[in-house]
């Protein structure tokens, strides 16, 4: 299981990368895609949608199950990655390259995010 040290994580298995323009790029972790298995469908949020921290904003479906993807912080969805909706299996190939959406945060919720060490520890204890 890969857990890049330069990213932040949520307990619900999303990864978050802070971009130089202040936005956050969000995807599902390697652990999440491994647990789900082969992804067959991804429903992305609409750009412009306002979201609250912890709110379900996307859905990933595999041959095994469907799972919500949650907003790590409150903000506005500013971009979506259409490539993952068209070809969901690319997330299985590289979960950290194939992001789902970008968020412009509206507050300072980032303190609730986990660093790589804390996320890896949490996953290993499950």
N, C-alpha and C. Protein backbone atom coordinates (compact mmCIF):
# COMPACT_ATOMS: atom_id res chain seq x y z
N UNK A 1 0.84 -1.19 0.00
CA UNK A 1 0.00 0.00 0.00
C UNK A 1 0.88 1.25 0.00
N UNK A 2 0.62 2.12 -0.94
CA UNK A 2 1.37 3.38 -1.03
C UNK A 2 0.66 4.45 -0.19
N UNK A 3 1.45 5.23 0.54
CA UNK A 3 0.94 6.36 1.31
C UNK A 3 1.95 7.50 1.15
N UNK A 4 1.84 8.28 0.05
CA UNK A 4 2.80 9.36 -0.17
C UNK A 4 2.85 10.35 1.00
N UNK A 5 4.07 10.69 1.40
CA UNK A 5 4.28 11.55 2.57
C UNK A 5 3.87 13.00 2.32
N UNK A 6 3.78 13.43 1.05
CA UNK A 6 3.46 14.83 0.76
C UNK A 6 1.97 15.13 0.72
N UNK A 7 1.14 14.13 0.99
CA UNK A 7 -0.31 14.32 0.96
C UNK A 7 -0.89 14.30 2.37
N UNK A 8 -2.13 14.77 2.48
CA UNK A 8 -2.91 14.65 3.71
C UNK A 8 -4.01 13.62 3.44
N UNK A 9 -4.62 13.10 4.50
CA UNK A 9 -5.58 12.01 4.37
C UNK A 9 -6.75 12.21 5.32
N UNK A 10 -7.85 11.52 5.01
CA UNK A 10 -9.01 11.52 5.90
C UNK A 10 -9.21 10.11 6.45
N UNK A 11 -9.97 10.00 7.51
CA UNK A 11 -10.29 8.69 8.06
C UNK A 11 -11.19 7.90 7.12
N UNK A 12 -11.86 8.59 6.17
CA UNK A 12 -12.73 7.91 5.21
C UNK A 12 -12.00 7.60 3.89
N UNK A 13 -10.67 7.66 3.92
CA UNK A 13 -9.79 7.20 2.83
C UNK A 13 -9.74 8.09 1.59
N UNK A 14 -9.83 9.39 1.78
CA UNK A 14 -9.55 10.34 0.71
C UNK A 14 -8.14 10.88 0.91
N UNK A 15 -7.46 11.20 -0.19
CA UNK A 15 -6.18 11.89 -0.10
C UNK A 15 -6.38 13.33 -0.58
N UNK A 16 -5.56 14.24 -0.06
CA UNK A 16 -5.70 15.66 -0.36
C UNK A 16 -4.32 16.23 -0.64
N UNK A 17 -4.20 16.92 -1.77
CA UNK A 17 -2.95 17.60 -2.11
C UNK A 17 -3.23 19.09 -2.18
N UNK A 18 -2.46 19.89 -1.45
CA UNK A 18 -2.59 21.35 -1.51
C UNK A 18 -1.86 21.86 -2.74
N UNK A 19 -2.55 22.66 -3.54
CA UNK A 19 -1.97 23.21 -4.76
C UNK A 19 -1.49 24.64 -4.53
N UNK A 20 -0.62 25.13 -5.38
CA UNK A 20 -0.03 26.47 -5.21
C UNK A 20 -1.07 27.58 -5.32
N UNK A 21 -2.21 27.32 -5.99
CA UNK A 21 -3.25 28.34 -6.13
C UNK A 21 -4.24 28.34 -4.97
N UNK A 22 -3.98 27.51 -3.94
CA UNK A 22 -4.84 27.48 -2.76
C UNK A 22 -5.94 26.43 -2.84
N UNK A 23 -6.09 25.77 -3.99
CA UNK A 23 -7.11 24.72 -4.09
C UNK A 23 -6.57 23.41 -3.53
N UNK A 24 -7.47 22.48 -3.32
CA UNK A 24 -7.12 21.14 -2.84
C UNK A 24 -7.56 20.13 -3.89
N UNK A 25 -6.66 19.25 -4.26
CA UNK A 25 -6.99 18.16 -5.17
C UNK A 25 -7.34 16.94 -4.32
N UNK A 26 -8.44 16.25 -4.64
CA UNK A 26 -8.94 15.16 -3.81
C UNK A 26 -9.10 13.89 -4.65
N UNK A 27 -8.70 12.77 -4.06
CA UNK A 27 -8.89 11.47 -4.69
C UNK A 27 -9.09 10.42 -3.61
N UNK A 28 -9.20 9.16 -4.03
CA UNK A 28 -9.29 8.09 -3.05
C UNK A 28 -7.92 7.44 -2.90
N UNK A 29 -7.65 6.93 -1.73
CA UNK A 29 -6.33 6.37 -1.43
C UNK A 29 -6.12 5.01 -2.11
N UNK A 30 -4.87 4.62 -2.15
CA UNK A 30 -4.50 3.31 -2.66
C UNK A 30 -5.20 2.21 -1.86
N UNK A 31 -5.26 2.41 -0.55
CA UNK A 31 -5.95 1.45 0.32
C UNK A 31 -7.42 1.32 -0.09
N UNK A 32 -8.08 2.45 -0.34
CA UNK A 32 -9.50 2.43 -0.71
C UNK A 32 -9.72 1.70 -2.03
N UNK A 33 -8.90 2.00 -3.04
CA UNK A 33 -9.12 1.34 -4.33
C UNK A 33 -8.82 -0.15 -4.25
N UNK A 34 -7.84 -0.53 -3.41
CA UNK A 34 -7.55 -1.96 -3.23
C UNK A 34 -8.73 -2.66 -2.55
N UNK A 35 -9.31 -2.02 -1.54
CA UNK A 35 -10.43 -2.62 -0.82
C UNK A 35 -11.66 -2.75 -1.71
N UNK A 36 -11.89 -1.76 -2.57
CA UNK A 36 -13.05 -1.79 -3.45
C UNK A 36 -12.90 -2.79 -4.58
N UNK A 37 -11.70 -2.95 -5.07
CA UNK A 37 -11.49 -3.82 -6.23
C UNK A 37 -11.66 -3.04 -7.52
N UNK A 38 -11.93 -3.73 -8.61
CA UNK A 38 -12.00 -3.10 -9.92
C UNK A 38 -13.14 -2.08 -9.99
N UNK A 39 -12.77 -0.81 -10.20
CA UNK A 39 -13.77 0.25 -10.29
C UNK A 39 -14.45 0.19 -11.65
N UNK A 40 -15.78 0.35 -11.64
CA UNK A 40 -16.56 0.28 -12.89
C UNK A 40 -17.35 1.56 -13.16
N UNK A 41 -17.51 2.43 -12.14
CA UNK A 41 -18.29 3.66 -12.30
C UNK A 41 -17.85 4.68 -11.28
N UNK A 42 -17.72 5.92 -11.70
CA UNK A 42 -17.43 7.03 -10.78
C UNK A 42 -18.37 8.17 -11.11
N UNK A 43 -19.10 8.62 -10.09
CA UNK A 43 -19.99 9.78 -10.22
C UNK A 43 -19.31 10.95 -9.54
N UNK A 44 -19.05 12.00 -10.32
CA UNK A 44 -18.35 13.17 -9.80
C UNK A 44 -19.34 14.29 -9.47
N UNK A 45 -18.94 15.21 -8.58
CA UNK A 45 -19.81 16.35 -8.27
C UNK A 45 -19.80 17.37 -9.42
N UNK A 46 -20.74 18.27 -9.41
CA UNK A 46 -20.79 19.36 -10.39
C UNK A 46 -19.84 20.46 -9.95
N UNK A 47 -19.08 21.02 -10.88
CA UNK A 47 -18.26 22.19 -10.58
C UNK A 47 -19.19 23.32 -10.15
N UNK A 48 -18.77 24.08 -9.15
CA UNK A 48 -19.59 25.16 -8.62
C UNK A 48 -20.40 24.76 -7.40
N UNK A 49 -20.43 23.48 -7.09
CA UNK A 49 -21.20 23.00 -5.94
C UNK A 49 -20.50 23.36 -4.63
N UNK A 50 -21.25 23.94 -3.71
CA UNK A 50 -20.73 24.22 -2.37
C UNK A 50 -20.90 22.97 -1.52
N UNK A 51 -19.86 22.60 -0.77
CA UNK A 51 -19.91 21.39 0.05
C UNK A 51 -19.46 21.70 1.47
N UNK A 52 -19.96 20.89 2.39
CA UNK A 52 -19.57 20.98 3.79
C UNK A 52 -18.56 19.88 4.09
N UNK A 53 -17.71 20.10 5.05
CA UNK A 53 -16.74 19.08 5.45
C UNK A 53 -17.49 17.81 5.86
N UNK A 54 -17.07 16.67 5.34
CA UNK A 54 -17.69 15.40 5.67
C UNK A 54 -18.90 15.04 4.84
N UNK A 55 -19.31 15.92 3.95
CA UNK A 55 -20.48 15.67 3.11
C UNK A 55 -20.10 14.74 1.95
N UNK A 56 -20.96 13.76 1.62
CA UNK A 56 -20.67 12.93 0.44
C UNK A 56 -20.77 13.79 -0.83
N UNK A 57 -19.75 13.73 -1.68
CA UNK A 57 -19.75 14.56 -2.89
C UNK A 57 -19.54 13.76 -4.17
N UNK A 58 -19.09 12.53 -4.07
CA UNK A 58 -18.88 11.68 -5.23
C UNK A 58 -19.15 10.24 -4.82
N UNK A 59 -19.29 9.38 -5.83
CA UNK A 59 -19.51 7.96 -5.57
C UNK A 59 -18.56 7.16 -6.46
N UNK A 60 -17.92 6.15 -5.87
CA UNK A 60 -17.13 5.20 -6.65
C UNK A 60 -17.77 3.83 -6.50
N UNK A 61 -17.96 3.16 -7.63
CA UNK A 61 -18.56 1.83 -7.62
C UNK A 61 -17.58 0.83 -8.21
N UNK A 62 -17.53 -0.32 -7.57
CA UNK A 62 -16.69 -1.41 -8.06
C UNK A 62 -17.57 -2.63 -8.30
N UNK A 63 -16.93 -3.70 -8.71
CA UNK A 63 -17.68 -4.94 -8.88
C UNK A 63 -18.17 -5.47 -7.53
N UNK A 64 -17.57 -4.99 -6.43
CA UNK A 64 -17.94 -5.45 -5.09
C UNK A 64 -18.97 -4.56 -4.40
N UNK A 65 -18.80 -3.23 -4.53
CA UNK A 65 -19.61 -2.32 -3.71
C UNK A 65 -19.57 -0.90 -4.27
N UNK A 66 -20.45 -0.06 -3.72
CA UNK A 66 -20.42 1.37 -4.00
C UNK A 66 -20.01 2.08 -2.71
N UNK A 67 -19.26 3.16 -2.87
CA UNK A 67 -18.78 3.88 -1.69
C UNK A 67 -18.82 5.37 -1.95
N UNK A 68 -19.26 6.13 -0.95
CA UNK A 68 -19.25 7.59 -1.06
C UNK A 68 -17.83 8.11 -0.91
N UNK A 69 -17.57 9.24 -1.56
CA UNK A 69 -16.33 9.99 -1.40
C UNK A 69 -16.73 11.30 -0.75
N UNK A 70 -16.08 11.63 0.36
CA UNK A 70 -16.50 12.77 1.18
C UNK A 70 -15.61 13.98 0.97
N UNK A 71 -16.18 15.16 1.20
CA UNK A 71 -15.40 16.40 1.16
C UNK A 71 -14.53 16.46 2.41
N UNK A 72 -13.22 16.63 2.24
CA UNK A 72 -12.34 16.69 3.40
C UNK A 72 -12.50 17.97 4.20
N UNK A 73 -12.89 19.04 3.53
CA UNK A 73 -13.10 20.36 4.14
C UNK A 73 -14.28 21.02 3.43
N UNK A 74 -14.80 22.08 4.02
CA UNK A 74 -15.86 22.85 3.38
C UNK A 74 -15.27 23.68 2.25
N UNK A 75 -16.06 23.89 1.22
CA UNK A 75 -15.58 24.70 0.11
C UNK A 75 -16.46 24.58 -1.11
N UNK A 76 -15.88 24.92 -2.26
CA UNK A 76 -16.58 24.87 -3.53
C UNK A 76 -15.81 23.98 -4.50
N UNK A 77 -16.52 23.07 -5.15
CA UNK A 77 -15.90 22.24 -6.17
C UNK A 77 -15.59 23.15 -7.37
N UNK A 78 -14.31 23.20 -7.75
CA UNK A 78 -13.91 24.09 -8.84
C UNK A 78 -13.52 23.34 -10.11
N UNK A 79 -13.29 22.03 -10.01
CA UNK A 79 -12.95 21.23 -11.19
C UNK A 79 -13.20 19.76 -10.90
N UNK A 80 -13.49 19.00 -11.95
CA UNK A 80 -13.62 17.55 -11.83
C UNK A 80 -12.74 16.91 -12.90
N UNK A 81 -12.33 15.69 -12.65
CA UNK A 81 -11.48 14.96 -13.57
C UNK A 81 -12.37 14.02 -14.42
N UNK A 82 -12.80 14.51 -15.57
CA UNK A 82 -13.70 13.74 -16.44
C UNK A 82 -13.08 12.41 -16.86
N UNK A 83 -11.76 12.34 -16.93
CA UNK A 83 -11.09 11.11 -17.36
C UNK A 83 -11.42 9.94 -16.44
N UNK A 84 -11.56 10.17 -15.15
CA UNK A 84 -11.86 9.06 -14.24
C UNK A 84 -13.31 8.61 -14.36
N UNK A 85 -14.20 9.52 -14.74
CA UNK A 85 -15.60 9.15 -14.96
C UNK A 85 -15.72 8.31 -16.23
N UNK A 86 -14.94 8.66 -17.24
CA UNK A 86 -14.98 7.95 -18.51
C UNK A 86 -14.27 6.60 -18.44
N UNK A 87 -13.20 6.52 -17.64
CA UNK A 87 -12.39 5.31 -17.54
C UNK A 87 -12.05 5.06 -16.07
N UNK A 88 -13.01 4.59 -15.27
CA UNK A 88 -12.81 4.45 -13.82
C UNK A 88 -11.61 3.57 -13.44
N UNK A 89 -11.29 2.60 -14.27
CA UNK A 89 -10.21 1.67 -13.90
C UNK A 89 -8.84 2.34 -13.82
N UNK A 90 -8.70 3.57 -14.34
CA UNK A 90 -7.40 4.23 -14.22
C UNK A 90 -7.09 4.57 -12.76
N UNK A 91 -8.12 4.69 -11.92
CA UNK A 91 -7.90 4.92 -10.49
C UNK A 91 -7.25 3.68 -9.87
N UNK A 92 -7.65 2.50 -10.32
CA UNK A 92 -7.01 1.27 -9.84
C UNK A 92 -5.54 1.22 -10.24
N UNK A 93 -5.21 1.74 -11.41
CA UNK A 93 -3.83 1.72 -11.90
C UNK A 93 -2.93 2.64 -11.07
N UNK A 94 -3.43 3.82 -10.70
CA UNK A 94 -2.66 4.76 -9.87
C UNK A 94 -3.62 5.72 -9.18
N UNK A 95 -3.95 5.39 -7.93
CA UNK A 95 -4.94 6.18 -7.18
C UNK A 95 -4.46 7.60 -6.90
N UNK A 96 -3.14 7.81 -6.84
CA UNK A 96 -2.63 9.14 -6.49
C UNK A 96 -2.41 10.03 -7.71
N UNK A 97 -2.34 9.46 -8.88
CA UNK A 97 -2.23 10.23 -10.11
C UNK A 97 -3.61 10.66 -10.59
N UNK A 98 -4.59 9.80 -10.40
CA UNK A 98 -5.93 10.00 -10.95
C UNK A 98 -6.90 10.55 -9.91
N UNK A 99 -6.86 11.86 -9.74
CA UNK A 99 -7.69 12.57 -8.79
C UNK A 99 -9.13 12.61 -9.25
N UNK A 100 -10.04 12.95 -8.32
CA UNK A 100 -11.47 13.01 -8.64
C UNK A 100 -11.97 14.43 -8.84
N UNK A 101 -11.67 15.32 -7.88
CA UNK A 101 -12.14 16.70 -8.00
C UNK A 101 -11.21 17.64 -7.26
N UNK A 102 -11.38 18.95 -7.57
CA UNK A 102 -10.60 20.00 -6.90
C UNK A 102 -11.57 20.89 -6.15
N UNK A 103 -11.12 21.32 -5.00
CA UNK A 103 -11.95 22.07 -4.07
C UNK A 103 -11.26 23.36 -3.68
N UNK A 104 -12.00 24.46 -3.68
CA UNK A 104 -11.50 25.72 -3.14
C UNK A 104 -12.03 25.80 -1.72
N UNK A 105 -11.14 25.64 -0.71
CA UNK A 105 -11.62 25.61 0.67
C UNK A 105 -12.19 26.96 1.12
N UNK A 106 -13.20 26.88 1.99
CA UNK A 106 -13.83 28.11 2.48
C UNK A 106 -13.49 28.38 3.94
N UNK A 107 -12.76 27.49 4.57
CA UNK A 107 -12.42 27.70 5.97
C UNK A 107 -11.09 27.06 6.29
N UNK A 108 -10.82 26.92 7.56
CA UNK A 108 -9.55 26.36 8.01
C UNK A 108 -9.76 25.00 8.66
N UNK A 109 -10.42 24.08 7.94
CA UNK A 109 -10.69 22.74 8.46
C UNK A 109 -9.48 21.81 8.35
N UNK A 110 -8.43 22.25 7.71
CA UNK A 110 -7.31 21.36 7.37
C UNK A 110 -6.65 20.72 8.59
N UNK A 111 -6.85 21.26 9.76
CA UNK A 111 -6.27 20.69 10.96
C UNK A 111 -6.80 19.31 11.29
N UNK A 112 -7.94 18.93 10.73
CA UNK A 112 -8.56 17.64 11.01
C UNK A 112 -8.01 16.54 10.10
N UNK A 113 -7.16 16.90 9.15
CA UNK A 113 -6.62 15.93 8.22
C UNK A 113 -5.44 15.19 8.84
N UNK A 114 -5.23 13.96 8.36
CA UNK A 114 -4.14 13.12 8.87
C UNK A 114 -2.91 13.27 7.99
N UNK A 115 -1.73 13.18 8.60
CA UNK A 115 -0.52 13.10 7.78
C UNK A 115 -0.33 11.64 7.37
N UNK A 116 0.65 11.37 6.53
CA UNK A 116 0.86 10.02 5.98
C UNK A 116 1.10 9.00 7.08
N UNK A 117 1.88 9.36 8.09
CA UNK A 117 2.19 8.44 9.17
C UNK A 117 0.93 8.06 9.96
N UNK A 118 0.12 9.06 10.29
CA UNK A 118 -1.11 8.79 11.05
C UNK A 118 -2.11 7.97 10.23
N UNK A 119 -2.19 8.25 8.91
CA UNK A 119 -3.10 7.50 8.06
C UNK A 119 -2.65 6.04 7.95
N UNK A 120 -1.36 5.82 7.72
CA UNK A 120 -0.85 4.45 7.60
C UNK A 120 -1.08 3.67 8.90
N UNK A 121 -0.88 4.34 10.02
CA UNK A 121 -1.12 3.69 11.32
C UNK A 121 -2.59 3.32 11.46
N UNK A 122 -3.48 4.23 11.10
CA UNK A 122 -4.92 3.97 11.19
C UNK A 122 -5.31 2.77 10.32
N UNK A 123 -4.83 2.72 9.09
CA UNK A 123 -5.16 1.63 8.17
C UNK A 123 -4.63 0.31 8.69
N UNK A 124 -3.43 0.31 9.23
CA UNK A 124 -2.83 -0.92 9.74
C UNK A 124 -3.53 -1.44 10.99
N UNK A 125 -4.24 -0.57 11.70
CA UNK A 125 -4.95 -0.99 12.92
C UNK A 125 -6.35 -1.51 12.60
N UNK A 126 -6.81 -1.31 11.39
CA UNK A 126 -8.18 -1.74 11.03
C UNK A 126 -8.24 -3.22 10.79
